[in-house]
Amino acid sequence: MIRNARKITMILLASVIFIATPTLASAELGDRTLQKGAQGSDVSELQDYLMTKGDFPYHTATGYYGEITEEAVKDFQRSRNLNADGIAGPKTNQKMKVLRRGNIGKQVIHIQSQLSQLNYNVSMDGIYGSGTVQAVEQFQRDNNLEIDGIAGPGTREALDRKASKGSATGKEITVESTAYTANCEGCSGITKMGLDLKTYSDAKVIAVDPDVIPLGSIVEVEGYGVAIAADIGGAIDGDRIDVFVPNKDEAMNWGRKDVTIKVIE
């Protein structure tokens, strides 16, 4: 009888814990303190922000808080005069969500989409440049917010109340493609988003025209796979892309061909 009662108690406790604990799939950045060993959608969001700010050196968000993420958080904390402990707590997460001129990636696309929904003139290119600064300033002016062109907590809360976050997801086009490598004379290997392709030769990265495919988008490329739009190029204009491959021979084998690409995130 006592043994059965203990079993029932354990089942009830497990049920309470299961109900009370938010699922990782629904967790958002700021819902909890993140540190090494954590995993979930909020970790992926953190990594997206770190890429947006040029602090996450890897080529895609993994959803796992390992050594690379820990070091990236420390770099961000140092740049914001925070305690560089590699733990994404409330102060770090709050500053992480502030977007400003020079930021690049999916998190920028979200607010550009919101501004566009509200009829502000802004390009959804994933680049927080002068056009986005001006649109944010006008939004702040219209909503009696501090006019600084920075998407801080107050501005983002106001945007979230008035419009939903968006992306270029679903866009599908046929483009002319070529290939490039980081291992050539004069090649730095550093993409527009700050990814070091010489360090991560396994990266799936494409160079795009941001006016067509926003920087930071995750795309599926016919014959190449799932990649991140993390680079630009002087010759990449309009419906053209350049796919990154590890060496010159592979680049030559790719040649020049039309491929279909689809934005999936």
C-alpha atoms as a PDB file:
ATOM      1  CA  MET A   1       0.000   0.000   0.000  1.00  0.00           C
ATOM      2  CA  ILE A   2       2.784   2.431   0.975  1.00  0.00           C
ATOM      3  CA  ARG A   3       4.758   1.432  -2.142  1.00  0.00           C
ATOM      4  CA  ASN A   4       1.738   2.126  -4.371  1.00  0.00           C
ATOM      5  CA  ALA A   5       1.206   5.490  -2.683  1.00  0.00           C
ATOM      6  CA  ARG A   6       4.838   6.411  -3.384  1.00  0.00           C
ATOM      7  CA  LYS A   7       4.418   5.453  -7.024  1.00  0.00           C
ATOM      8  CA  ILE A   8       1.312   7.619  -7.323  1.00  0.00           C
ATOM      9  CA  THR A   9       3.134  10.529  -5.642  1.00  0.00           C
ATOM     10  CA  MET A  10       6.090  10.227  -8.045  1.00  0.00           C
ATOM     11  CA  ILE A  11       3.756  10.160 -11.045  1.00  0.00           C
ATOM     12  CA  LEU A  12       1.946  13.266  -9.792  1.00  0.00           C
ATOM     13  CA  LEU A  13       5.242  15.081  -9.165  1.00  0.00           C
ATOM     14  CA  ALA A  14       6.479  14.191 -12.636  1.00  0.00           C
ATOM     15  CA  SER A  15       3.234  15.476 -14.114  1.00  0.00           C
ATOM     16  CA  VAL A  16       3.518  18.779 -12.238  1.00  0.00           C
ATOM     17  CA  ILE A  17       7.114  19.242 -13.346  1.00  0.00           C
ATOM     18  CA  PHE A  18       6.194  18.442 -16.948  1.00  0.00           C
ATOM     19  CA  ILE A  19       3.322  20.938 -16.925  1.00  0.00           C
ATOM     20  CA  ALA A  20       5.232  23.672 -15.075  1.00  0.00           C
ATOM     21  CA  THR A  21       8.364  23.508 -17.235  1.00  0.00           C
ATOM     22  CA  PRO A  22       8.059  25.386 -20.558  1.00  0.00           C
ATOM     23  CA  THR A  23       8.932  23.175 -23.513  1.00  0.00           C
ATOM     24  CA  LEU A  24      12.188  23.991 -25.256  1.00  0.00           C
ATOM     25  CA  ALA A  25      10.327  24.233 -28.555  1.00  0.00           C
ATOM     26  CA  SER A  26       8.331  27.230 -27.293  1.00  0.00           C
ATOM     27  CA  ALA A  27      11.076  28.945 -25.266  1.00  0.00           C
ATOM     28  CA  GLU A  28      12.047  32.462 -26.345  1.00  0.00           C
ATOM     29  CA  LEU A  29      15.258  34.308 -25.564  1.00  0.00           C
ATOM     30  CA  GLY A  30      14.870  35.812 -22.106  1.00  0.00           C
ATOM     31  CA  ASP A  31      12.530  33.123 -20.746  1.00  0.00           C
ATOM     32  CA  ARG A  32      15.430  31.595 -18.805  1.00  0.00           C
ATOM     33  CA  THR A  33      19.127  32.008 -18.098  1.00  0.00           C
ATOM     34  CA  LEU A  34      21.216  30.172 -20.694  1.00  0.00           C
ATOM     35  CA  GLN A  35      24.645  28.660 -20.181  1.00  0.00           C
ATOM     36  CA  LYS A  36      26.901  25.920 -21.495  1.00  0.00           C
ATOM     37  CA  GLY A  37      24.981  22.679 -21.985  1.00  0.00           C
ATOM     38  CA  ALA A  38      21.600  24.318 -22.641  1.00  0.00           C
ATOM     39  CA  GLN A  39      19.703  23.579 -25.813  1.00  0.00           C
ATOM     40  CA  GLY A  40      16.457  24.652 -27.430  1.00  0.00           C
ATOM     41  CA  SER A  41      14.833  27.264 -29.615  1.00  0.00           C
ATOM     42  CA  ASP A  42      15.928  30.083 -27.296  1.00  0.00           C
ATOM     43  CA  VAL A  43      19.555  29.008 -27.771  1.00  0.00           C
ATOM     44  CA  SER A  44      19.035  29.159 -31.549  1.00  0.00           C
ATOM     45  CA  GLU A  45      17.569  32.647 -31.147  1.00  0.00           C
ATOM     46  CA  LEU A  46      20.565  33.688 -29.039  1.00  0.00           C
ATOM     47  CA  GLN A  47      22.921  32.385 -31.734  1.00  0.00           C
ATOM     48  CA  ASP A  48      20.978  34.279 -34.408  1.00  0.00           C
ATOM     49  CA  TYR A  49      21.431  37.480 -32.399  1.00  0.00           C
ATOM     50  CA  LEU A  50      25.144  36.755 -31.975  1.00  0.00           C
ATOM     51  CA  MET A  51      25.470  36.275 -35.748  1.00  0.00           C
ATOM     52  CA  THR A  52      23.512  39.492 -36.285  1.00  0.00           C
ATOM     53  CA  LYS A  53      26.105  41.304 -34.160  1.00  0.00           C
ATOM     54  CA  GLY A  54      29.089  39.511 -35.709  1.00  0.00           C
ATOM     55  CA  ASP A  55      30.021  37.646 -32.515  1.00  0.00           C
ATOM     56  CA  PHE A  56      29.004  34.073 -33.410  1.00  0.00           C
ATOM     57  CA  PRO A  57      31.709  32.673 -35.692  1.00  0.00           C
ATOM     58  CA  TYR A  58      29.833  29.584 -36.904  1.00  0.00           C
ATOM     59  CA  HIS A  59      27.707  29.501 -40.042  1.00  0.00           C
ATOM     60  CA  THR A  60      24.284  28.458 -38.709  1.00  0.00           C
ATOM     61  CA  ALA A  61      22.458  28.369 -35.393  1.00  0.00           C
ATOM     62  CA  THR A  62      22.695  24.898 -33.837  1.00  0.00           C
ATOM     63  CA  GLY A  63      20.399  25.258 -30.826  1.00  0.00           C
ATOM     64  CA  TYR A  64      23.154  23.873 -28.572  1.00  0.00           C
ATOM     65  CA  TYR A  65      25.042  26.089 -26.098  1.00  0.00           C
ATOM     66  CA  GLY A  66      28.578  24.756 -26.429  1.00  0.00           C
ATOM     67  CA  GLU A  67      32.041  26.278 -26.120  1.00  0.00           C
ATOM     68  CA  ILE A  68      31.686  28.324 -29.314  1.00  0.00           C
ATOM     69  CA  THR A  69      28.481  29.952 -28.051  1.00  0.00           C
ATOM     70  CA  GLU A  70      29.963  30.506 -24.603  1.00  0.00           C
ATOM     71  CA  GLU A  71      32.979  32.322 -26.065  1.00  0.00           C
ATOM     72  CA  ALA A  72      30.742  34.340 -28.400  1.00  0.00           C
ATOM     73  CA  VAL A  73      28.616  35.457 -25.437  1.00  0.00           C
ATOM     74  CA  LYS A  74      31.788  36.473 -23.570  1.00  0.00           C
ATOM     75  CA  ASP A  75      32.899  38.560 -26.573  1.00  0.00           C
ATOM     76  CA  PHE A  76      29.514  40.259 -26.686  1.00  0.00           C
ATOM     77  CA  GLN A  77      29.560  40.885 -22.934  1.00  0.00           C
ATOM     78  CA  ARG A  78      33.003  42.495 -23.146  1.00  0.00           C
ATOM     79  CA  SER A  79      31.809  44.769 -25.966  1.00  0.00           C
ATOM     80  CA  ARG A  80      28.901  45.943 -23.778  1.00  0.00           C
ATOM     81  CA  ASN A  81      30.905  46.280 -20.532  1.00  0.00           C
ATOM     82  CA  LEU A  82      29.086  43.369 -18.897  1.00  0.00           C
ATOM     83  CA  ASN A  83      30.545  40.683 -16.662  1.00  0.00           C
ATOM     84  CA  ALA A  84      32.137  38.316 -19.218  1.00  0.00           C
ATOM     85  CA  ASP A  85      31.035  35.023 -17.656  1.00  0.00           C
ATOM     86  CA  GLY A  86      29.642  33.435 -20.834  1.00  0.00           C
ATOM     87  CA  ILE A  87      26.192  33.100 -19.246  1.00  0.00           C
ATOM     88  CA  ALA A  88      23.222  34.658 -21.030  1.00  0.00           C
ATOM     89  CA  GLY A  89      21.271  36.050 -18.082  1.00  0.00           C
ATOM     90  CA  PRO A  90      18.688  38.879 -17.945  1.00  0.00           C
ATOM     91  CA  LYS A  91      21.149  41.783 -18.466  1.00  0.00           C
ATOM     92  CA  THR A  92      22.944  40.067 -21.344  1.00  0.00           C
ATOM     93  CA  ASN A  93      19.708  38.990 -23.039  1.00  0.00           C
ATOM     94  CA  GLN A  94      18.209  42.477 -22.773  1.00  0.00           C
ATOM     95  CA  LYS A  95      21.227  44.083 -24.436  1.00  0.00           C
ATOM     96  CA  MET A  96      21.393  41.230 -26.955  1.00  0.00           C
ATOM     97  CA  LYS A  97      17.934  42.150 -28.259  1.00  0.00           C
ATOM     98  CA  VAL A  98      18.895  45.766 -28.969  1.00  0.00           C
ATOM     99  CA  LEU A  99      19.390  46.230 -32.716  1.00  0.00           C
ATOM    100  CA  ARG A 100      21.277  49.133 -34.242  1.00  0.00           C
ATOM    101  CA  ARG A 101      23.161  50.360 -37.305  1.00  0.00           C
ATOM    102  CA  GLY A 102      25.625  47.758 -38.607  1.00  0.00           C
ATOM    103  CA  ASN A 103      23.699  44.697 -37.409  1.00  0.00           C
ATOM    104  CA  ILE A 104      22.973  42.079 -40.081  1.00  0.00           C
ATOM    105  CA  GLY A 105      20.739  39.022 -40.205  1.00  0.00           C
ATOM    106  CA  LYS A 106      17.383  37.437 -39.430  1.00  0.00           C
ATOM    107  CA  GLN A 107      16.660  39.548 -36.362  1.00  0.00           C
ATOM    108  CA  VAL A 108      17.015  42.678 -38.484  1.00  0.00           C
ATOM    109  CA  ILE A 109      14.662  41.180 -41.082  1.00  0.00           C
ATOM    110  CA  HIS A 110      12.011  40.784 -38.360  1.00  0.00           C
ATOM    111  CA  ILE A 111      11.852  44.487 -37.532  1.00  0.00           C
ATOM    112  CA  GLN A 112      12.180  45.528 -41.178  1.00  0.00           C
ATOM    113  CA  SER A 113       9.110  43.402 -41.901  1.00  0.00           C
ATOM    114  CA  GLN A 114       7.237  45.033 -39.014  1.00  0.00           C
ATOM    115  CA  LEU A 115       8.119  48.515 -40.245  1.00  0.00           C
ATOM    116  CA  SER A 116       7.035  47.566 -43.766  1.00  0.00           C
ATOM    117  CA  GLN A 117       3.687  46.267 -42.469  1.00  0.00           C
ATOM    118  CA  LEU A 118       3.171  49.674 -40.848  1.00  0.00           C
ATOM    119  CA  ASN A 119       3.871  51.417 -44.189  1.00  0.00           C
ATOM    120  CA  TYR A 120       7.319  52.772 -43.341  1.00  0.00           C
ATOM    121  CA  ASN A 121       9.703  52.914 -46.280  1.00  0.00           C
ATOM    122  CA  VAL A 122      12.311  50.244 -45.603  1.00  0.00           C
ATOM    123  CA  SER A 123      13.996  47.499 -47.628  1.00  0.00           C
ATOM    124  CA  MET A 124      13.843  43.953 -46.262  1.00  0.00           C
ATOM    125  CA  ASP A 125      17.510  43.260 -46.938  1.00  0.00           C
ATOM    126  CA  GLY A 126      18.611  42.094 -43.477  1.00  0.00           C
ATOM    127  CA  ILE A 127      21.006  45.042 -43.134  1.00  0.00           C
ATOM    128  CA  TYR A 128      20.493  47.687 -40.436  1.00  0.00           C
ATOM    129  CA  GLY A 129      21.701  50.560 -42.569  1.00  0.00           C
ATOM    130  CA  SER A 130      20.709  54.211 -43.015  1.00  0.00           C
ATOM    131  CA  GLY A 131      17.317  53.311 -44.511  1.00  0.00           C
ATOM    132  CA  THR A 132      16.364  51.203 -41.492  1.00  0.00           C
ATOM    133  CA  VAL A 133      17.694  53.846 -39.089  1.00  0.00           C
ATOM    134  CA  GLN A 134      15.499  56.492 -40.762  1.00  0.00           C
ATOM    135  CA  ALA A 135      12.428  54.224 -40.680  1.00  0.00           C
ATOM    136  CA  VAL A 136      12.978  53.446 -36.982  1.00  0.00           C
ATOM    137  CA  GLU A 137      13.419  57.148 -36.206  1.00  0.00           C
ATOM    138  CA  GLN A 138      10.149  57.974 -37.973  1.00  0.00           C
ATOM    139  CA  PHE A 139       8.363  55.159 -36.101  1.00  0.00           C
ATOM    140  CA  GLN A 140       9.759  56.493 -32.826  1.00  0.00           C
ATOM    141  CA  ARG A 141       8.667  60.021 -33.712  1.00  0.00           C
ATOM    142  CA  ASP A 142       5.150  58.836 -34.541  1.00  0.00           C
ATOM    143  CA  ASN A 143       4.866  56.906 -31.279  1.00  0.00           C
ATOM    144  CA  ASN A 144       6.364  59.466 -28.870  1.00  0.00           C
ATOM    145  CA  LEU A 145       9.470  57.363 -28.229  1.00  0.00           C
ATOM    146  CA  GLU A 146      13.070  58.489 -27.827  1.00  0.00           C
ATOM    147  CA  ILE A 147      14.303  59.239 -31.342  1.00  0.00           C
ATOM    148  CA  ASP A 148      17.689  57.550 -31.657  1.00  0.00           C
ATOM    149  CA  GLY A 149      17.239  55.124 -34.580  1.00  0.00           C
ATOM    150  CA  ILE A 150      18.052  52.201 -32.262  1.00  0.00           C
ATOM    151  CA  ALA A 151      15.576  49.345 -31.826  1.00  0.00           C
ATOM    152  CA  GLY A 152      15.798  49.077 -28.045  1.00  0.00           C
ATOM    153  CA  PRO A 153      13.268  47.564 -25.602  1.00  0.00           C
ATOM    154  CA  GLY A 154      10.699  50.385 -25.832  1.00  0.00           C
ATOM    155  CA  THR A 155      10.794  50.556 -29.618  1.00  0.00           C
ATOM    156  CA  ARG A 156      10.640  46.785 -30.032  1.00  0.00           C
ATOM    157  CA  GLU A 157       7.738  46.475 -27.600  1.00  0.00           C
ATOM    158  CA  ALA A 158       5.843  49.109 -29.590  1.00  0.00           C
ATOM    159  CA  LEU A 159       6.619  47.318 -32.869  1.00  0.00           C
ATOM    160  CA  ASP A 160       5.472  43.987 -31.408  1.00  0.00           C
ATOM    161  CA  ARG A 161       2.165  45.552 -30.330  1.00  0.00           C
ATOM    162  CA  LYS A 162       1.460  46.942 -33.782  1.00  0.00           C
ATOM    163  CA  ALA A 163       2.861  44.321 -36.194  1.00  0.00           C
ATOM    164  CA  SER A 164       3.961  40.706 -36.327  1.00  0.00           C
ATOM    165  CA  LYS A 165       7.528  39.613 -36.973  1.00  0.00           C
ATOM    166  CA  GLY A 166       8.144  38.490 -40.519  1.00  0.00           C
ATOM    167  CA  SER A 167      10.700  37.041 -42.897  1.00  0.00           C
ATOM    168  CA  ALA A 168      11.214  36.268 -46.575  1.00  0.00           C
ATOM    169  CA  THR A 169      10.113  32.671 -45.959  1.00  0.00           C
ATOM    170  CA  GLY A 170       8.418  31.037 -48.931  1.00  0.00           C
ATOM    171  CA  LYS A 171      10.096  33.120 -51.617  1.00  0.00           C
ATOM    172  CA  GLU A 172      11.185  30.866 -54.484  1.00  0.00           C
ATOM    173  CA  ILE A 173      13.100  32.024 -57.555  1.00  0.00           C
ATOM    174  CA  THR A 174      15.375  30.695 -60.262  1.00  0.00           C
ATOM    175  CA  VAL A 175      18.793  32.328 -60.249  1.00  0.00           C
ATOM    176  CA  GLU A 176      22.066  32.116 -62.134  1.00  0.00           C
ATOM    177  CA  SER A 177      24.697  30.528 -59.901  1.00  0.00           C
ATOM    178  CA  THR A 178      28.464  30.405 -59.783  1.00  0.00           C
ATOM    179  CA  ALA A 179      30.815  29.124 -57.076  1.00  0.00           C
ATOM    180  CA  TYR A 180      33.652  30.606 -55.056  1.00  0.00           C
ATOM    181  CA  THR A 181      36.223  29.484 -52.510  1.00  0.00           C
ATOM    182  CA  ALA A 182      38.068  31.116 -49.631  1.00  0.00           C
ATOM    183  CA  ASN A 183      41.319  29.397 -50.537  1.00  0.00           C
ATOM    184  CA  CYS A 184      42.637  31.685 -53.243  1.00  0.00           C
ATOM    185  CA  GLU A 185      45.214  34.449 -53.521  1.00  0.00           C
ATOM    186  CA  GLY A 186      43.869  37.645 -52.008  1.00  0.00           C
ATOM    187  CA  CYS A 187      40.771  35.949 -50.526  1.00  0.00           C
ATOM    188  CA  SER A 188      40.183  36.893 -46.888  1.00  0.00           C
ATOM    189  CA  GLY A 189      37.586  34.186 -46.316  1.00  0.00           C
ATOM    190  CA  ILE A 190      35.529  36.575 -44.152  1.00  0.00           C
ATOM    191  CA  THR A 191      31.926  37.010 -45.269  1.00  0.00           C
ATOM    192  CA  LYS A 192      29.801  40.161 -44.983  1.00  0.00           C
ATOM    193  CA  MET A 193      28.277  38.667 -41.802  1.00  0.00           C
ATOM    194  CA  GLY A 194      31.748  38.082 -40.364  1.00  0.00           C
ATOM    195  CA  LEU A 195      31.912  34.298 -40.832  1.00  0.00           C
ATOM    196  CA  ASP A 196      35.428  32.921 -41.323  1.00  0.00           C
ATOM    197  CA  LEU A 197      35.110  30.416 -44.148  1.00  0.00           C
ATOM    198  CA  LYS A 198      38.753  29.375 -43.842  1.00  0.00           C
ATOM    199  CA  THR A 199      37.988  28.117 -40.350  1.00  0.00           C
ATOM    200  CA  TYR A 200      34.649  26.525 -41.291  1.00  0.00           C
ATOM    201  CA  SER A 201      35.314  24.965 -44.675  1.00  0.00           C
ATOM    202  CA  ASP A 202      32.224  22.755 -44.261  1.00  0.00           C
ATOM    203  CA  ALA A 203      29.938  25.788 -44.170  1.00  0.00           C
ATOM    204  CA  LYS A 204      27.003  26.004 -46.554  1.00  0.00           C
ATOM    205  CA  VAL A 205      27.061  29.705 -47.440  1.00  0.00           C
ATOM    206  CA  ILE A 206      25.893  31.694 -50.437  1.00  0.00           C
ATOM    207  CA  ALA A 207      26.583  35.237 -51.568  1.00  0.00           C
ATOM    208  CA  VAL A 208      23.442  37.116 -52.599  1.00  0.00           C
ATOM    209  CA  ASP A 209      22.047  40.465 -53.612  1.00  0.00           C
ATOM    210  CA  PRO A 210      20.371  41.516 -50.323  1.00  0.00           C
ATOM    211  CA  ASP A 211      17.638  43.332 -52.250  1.00  0.00           C
ATOM    212  CA  VAL A 212      16.579  39.917 -53.607  1.00  0.00           C
ATOM    213  CA  ILE A 213      17.462  37.537 -50.751  1.00  0.00           C
ATOM    214  CA  PRO A 214      17.960  39.212 -47.331  1.00  0.00           C
ATOM    215  CA  LEU A 215      21.250  38.585 -45.545  1.00  0.00           C
ATOM    216  CA  GLY A 216      20.739  36.077 -42.744  1.00  0.00           C
ATOM    217  CA  SER A 217      18.064  34.080 -44.579  1.00  0.00           C
ATOM    218  CA  ILE A 218      18.243  30.293 -44.549  1.00  0.00           C
ATOM    219  CA  VAL A 219      17.735  29.018 -48.090  1.00  0.00           C
ATOM    220  CA  GLU A 220      17.487  25.715 -49.890  1.00  0.00           C
ATOM    221  CA  VAL A 221      19.606  25.679 -53.041  1.00  0.00           C
ATOM    222  CA  GLU A 222      19.017  23.109 -55.766  1.00  0.00           C
ATOM    223  CA  GLY A 223      22.032  20.779 -56.021  1.00  0.00           C
ATOM    224  CA  TYR A 224      23.762  22.393 -53.019  1.00  0.00           C
ATOM    225  CA  GLY A 225      21.570  21.989 -49.954  1.00  0.00           C
ATOM    226  CA  VAL A 226      20.464  24.221 -47.108  1.00  0.00           C
ATOM    227  CA  ALA A 227      22.650  27.303 -46.735  1.00  0.00           C
ATOM    228  CA  ILE A 228      22.762  30.699 -45.087  1.00  0.00           C
ATOM    229  CA  ALA A 229      22.787  33.884 -47.152  1.00  0.00           C
ATOM    230  CA  ALA A 230      25.783  35.386 -45.374  1.00  0.00           C
ATOM    231  CA  ASP A 231      27.830  37.115 -48.050  1.00  0.00           C
ATOM    232  CA  ILE A 232      27.620  39.604 -50.906  1.00  0.00           C
ATOM    233  CA  GLY A 233      29.815  40.283 -53.926  1.00  0.00           C
ATOM    234  CA  GLY A 234      30.425  43.028 -56.455  1.00  0.00           C
ATOM    235  CA  ALA A 235      29.258  40.789 -59.307  1.00  0.00           C
ATOM    236  CA  ILE A 236      26.288  39.382 -57.376  1.00  0.00           C
ATOM    237  CA  ASP A 237      23.492  41.623 -58.582  1.00  0.00           C
ATOM    238  CA  GLY A 238      19.821  40.770 -59.029  1.00  0.00           C
ATOM    239  CA  ASP A 239      18.891  37.116 -59.537  1.00  0.00           C
ATOM    240  CA  ARG A 240      22.407  35.765 -59.067  1.00  0.00           C
ATOM    241  CA  ILE A 241      24.107  33.819 -56.287  1.00  0.00           C
ATOM    242  CA  ASP A 242      27.594  32.532 -55.540  1.00  0.00           C
ATOM    243  CA  VAL A 243      27.832  29.255 -53.588  1.00  0.00           C
ATOM    244  CA  PHE A 244      30.778  28.634 -51.292  1.00  0.00           C
ATOM    245  CA  VAL A 245      32.804  25.450 -51.858  1.00  0.00           C
ATOM    246  CA  PRO A 246      36.006  24.331 -50.093  1.00  0.00           C
ATOM    247  CA  ASN A 247      38.422  24.427 -53.042  1.00  0.00           C
ATOM    248  CA  LYS A 248      39.031  25.783 -56.521  1.00  0.00           C
ATOM    249  CA  ASP A 249      38.439  22.436 -58.281  1.00  0.00           C
ATOM    250  CA  GLU A 250      34.929  22.212 -56.837  1.00  0.00           C
ATOM    251  CA  ALA A 251      34.274  25.800 -57.842  1.00  0.00           C
ATOM    252  CA  MET A 252      35.341  25.023 -61.411  1.00  0.00           C
ATOM    253  CA  ASN A 253      33.186  21.874 -61.460  1.00  0.00           C
ATOM    254  CA  TRP A 254      30.160  23.871 -60.333  1.00  0.00           C
ATOM    255  CA  GLY A 255      30.572  26.198 -63.286  1.00  0.00           C
ATOM    256  CA  ARG A 256      27.731  28.560 -64.177  1.00  0.00           C
ATOM    257  CA  LYS A 257      24.169  27.234 -64.117  1.00  0.00           C
ATOM    258  CA  ASP A 258      20.607  28.124 -63.266  1.00  0.00           C
ATOM    259  CA  VAL A 259      19.270  26.753 -59.974  1.00  0.00           C
ATOM    260  CA  THR A 260      16.070  27.141 -58.002  1.00  0.00           C
ATOM    261  CA  ILE A 261      16.369  28.563 -54.494  1.00  0.00           C
ATOM    262  CA  LYS A 262      13.736  28.786 -51.777  1.00  0.00           C
ATOM    263  CA  VAL A 263      13.871  30.820 -48.576  1.00  0.00           C
ATOM    264  CA  ILE A 264      12.902  28.440 -45.764  1.00  0.00           C
ATOM    265  CA  GLU A 265      13.657  30.646 -42.731  1.00  0.00           C
END
